[in-house]
């Protein structure tokens, strides 16, 4: 909240309303996040360099 408008975020899409309407627009090609994950997984297997997220997953679980 401010003198020129409000911004809100939470479980739904964030928005900003005020003197200037603003919306984030990502530059470049839009790819579904699940499709991107599959593309990266298959590319890593084909190149012989598998993705190992074991450390990241363990740290994430410990933090939770």
C-alpha atoms as a PDB file:
ATOM      1  CA  UNK A   1       0.000   0.000   0.000  1.00  0.00           C
ATOM      2  CA  UNK A   2       1.125   3.494  -0.694  1.00  0.00           C
ATOM      3  CA  UNK A   3      -0.117   6.937  -1.584  1.00  0.00           C
ATOM      4  CA  UNK A   4      -0.128   6.117  -5.328  1.00  0.00           C
ATOM      5  CA  UNK A   5      -1.704   2.650  -5.326  1.00  0.00           C
ATOM      6  CA  UNK A   6      -1.567  -0.864  -3.936  1.00  0.00           C
ATOM      7  CA  UNK A   7       0.215  -4.116  -4.676  1.00  0.00           C
ATOM      8  CA  UNK A   8      -1.068  -7.508  -3.636  1.00  0.00           C
ATOM      9  CA  UNK A   9       0.358 -11.004  -3.720  1.00  0.00           C
ATOM     10  CA  UNK A  10      -0.582 -14.296  -2.181  1.00  0.00           C
ATOM     11  CA  UNK A  11      -2.125 -17.512  -3.438  1.00  0.00           C
ATOM     12  CA  UNK A  12      -3.388 -15.851  -6.598  1.00  0.00           C
ATOM     13  CA  UNK A  13      -1.549 -13.899  -9.271  1.00  0.00           C
ATOM     14  CA  UNK A  14       0.065 -10.735  -7.870  1.00  0.00           C
ATOM     15  CA  UNK A  15      -1.090  -7.380  -9.161  1.00  0.00           C
ATOM     16  CA  UNK A  16      -0.266  -3.698  -8.846  1.00  0.00           C
ATOM     17  CA  UNK A  17      -2.941  -1.017  -9.216  1.00  0.00           C
ATOM     18  CA  UNK A  18      -2.347   2.690  -9.128  1.00  0.00           C
ATOM     19  CA  UNK A  19      -1.453   5.620 -11.344  1.00  0.00           C
ATOM     20  CA  UNK A  20       0.454   3.321 -13.686  1.00  0.00           C
ATOM     21  CA  UNK A  21      -0.900  -0.158 -14.400  1.00  0.00           C
ATOM     22  CA  UNK A  22       1.986  -2.607 -14.422  1.00  0.00           C
ATOM     23  CA  UNK A  23       2.169  -6.274 -15.316  1.00  0.00           C
ATOM     24  CA  UNK A  24       5.186  -8.551 -15.639  1.00  0.00           C
ATOM     25  CA  UNK A  25       5.719  -9.845 -19.125  1.00  0.00           C
ATOM     26  CA  UNK A  26       8.553 -12.270 -19.668  1.00  0.00           C
ATOM     27  CA  UNK A  27      10.555 -11.690 -22.810  1.00  0.00           C
ATOM     28  CA  UNK A  28      11.196 -14.614 -25.098  1.00  0.00           C
ATOM     29  CA  UNK A  29       9.537 -17.898 -25.780  1.00  0.00           C
ATOM     30  CA  UNK A  30       7.005 -19.207 -23.243  1.00  0.00           C
ATOM     31  CA  UNK A  31       7.451 -22.870 -22.437  1.00  0.00           C
ATOM     32  CA  UNK A  32       5.344 -24.851 -19.999  1.00  0.00           C
ATOM     33  CA  UNK A  33       7.437 -25.536 -16.864  1.00  0.00           C
ATOM     34  CA  UNK A  34       6.724 -29.276 -17.039  1.00  0.00           C
ATOM     35  CA  UNK A  35       7.759 -29.433 -20.693  1.00  0.00           C
ATOM     36  CA  UNK A  36      10.969 -27.531 -19.885  1.00  0.00           C
ATOM     37  CA  UNK A  37      11.741 -30.036 -17.117  1.00  0.00           C
ATOM     38  CA  UNK A  38      11.273 -32.939 -19.532  1.00  0.00           C
ATOM     39  CA  UNK A  39      13.403 -31.251 -22.205  1.00  0.00           C
ATOM     40  CA  UNK A  40      16.281 -30.739 -19.748  1.00  0.00           C
ATOM     41  CA  UNK A  41      15.996 -34.267 -18.335  1.00  0.00           C
ATOM     42  CA  UNK A  42      16.057 -35.954 -21.752  1.00  0.00           C
ATOM     43  CA  UNK A  43      18.905 -33.718 -22.970  1.00  0.00           C
ATOM     44  CA  UNK A  44      20.986 -34.607 -19.895  1.00  0.00           C
ATOM     45  CA  UNK A  45      20.405 -38.339 -20.393  1.00  0.00           C
ATOM     46  CA  UNK A  46      21.263 -38.152 -24.091  1.00  0.00           C
ATOM     47  CA  UNK A  47      24.470 -36.212 -23.398  1.00  0.00           C
ATOM     48  CA  UNK A  48      25.558 -38.697 -20.724  1.00  0.00           C
ATOM     49  CA  UNK A  49      25.532 -36.013 -18.020  1.00  0.00           C
ATOM     50  CA  UNK A  50      22.542 -36.878 -15.814  1.00  0.00           C
ATOM     51  CA  UNK A  51      21.098 -34.176 -13.602  1.00  0.00           C
ATOM     52  CA  UNK A  52      21.653 -35.000  -9.930  1.00  0.00           C
ATOM     53  CA  UNK A  53      19.456 -32.902  -7.635  1.00  0.00           C
ATOM     54  CA  UNK A  54      20.106 -35.135  -4.616  1.00  0.00           C
ATOM     55  CA  UNK A  55      21.883 -32.454  -2.541  1.00  0.00           C
ATOM     56  CA  UNK A  56      19.271 -29.829  -3.377  1.00  0.00           C
ATOM     57  CA  UNK A  57      16.420 -32.196  -2.487  1.00  0.00           C
ATOM     58  CA  UNK A  58      18.057 -33.240   0.795  1.00  0.00           C
ATOM     59  CA  UNK A  59      18.620 -29.615   1.856  1.00  0.00           C
ATOM     60  CA  UNK A  60      15.068 -28.698   0.871  1.00  0.00           C
ATOM     61  CA  UNK A  61      13.678 -31.597   2.904  1.00  0.00           C
ATOM     62  CA  UNK A  62      15.811 -30.684   5.910  1.00  0.00           C
ATOM     63  CA  UNK A  63      14.624 -27.080   5.779  1.00  0.00           C
ATOM     64  CA  UNK A  64      10.988 -28.184   5.635  1.00  0.00           C
END
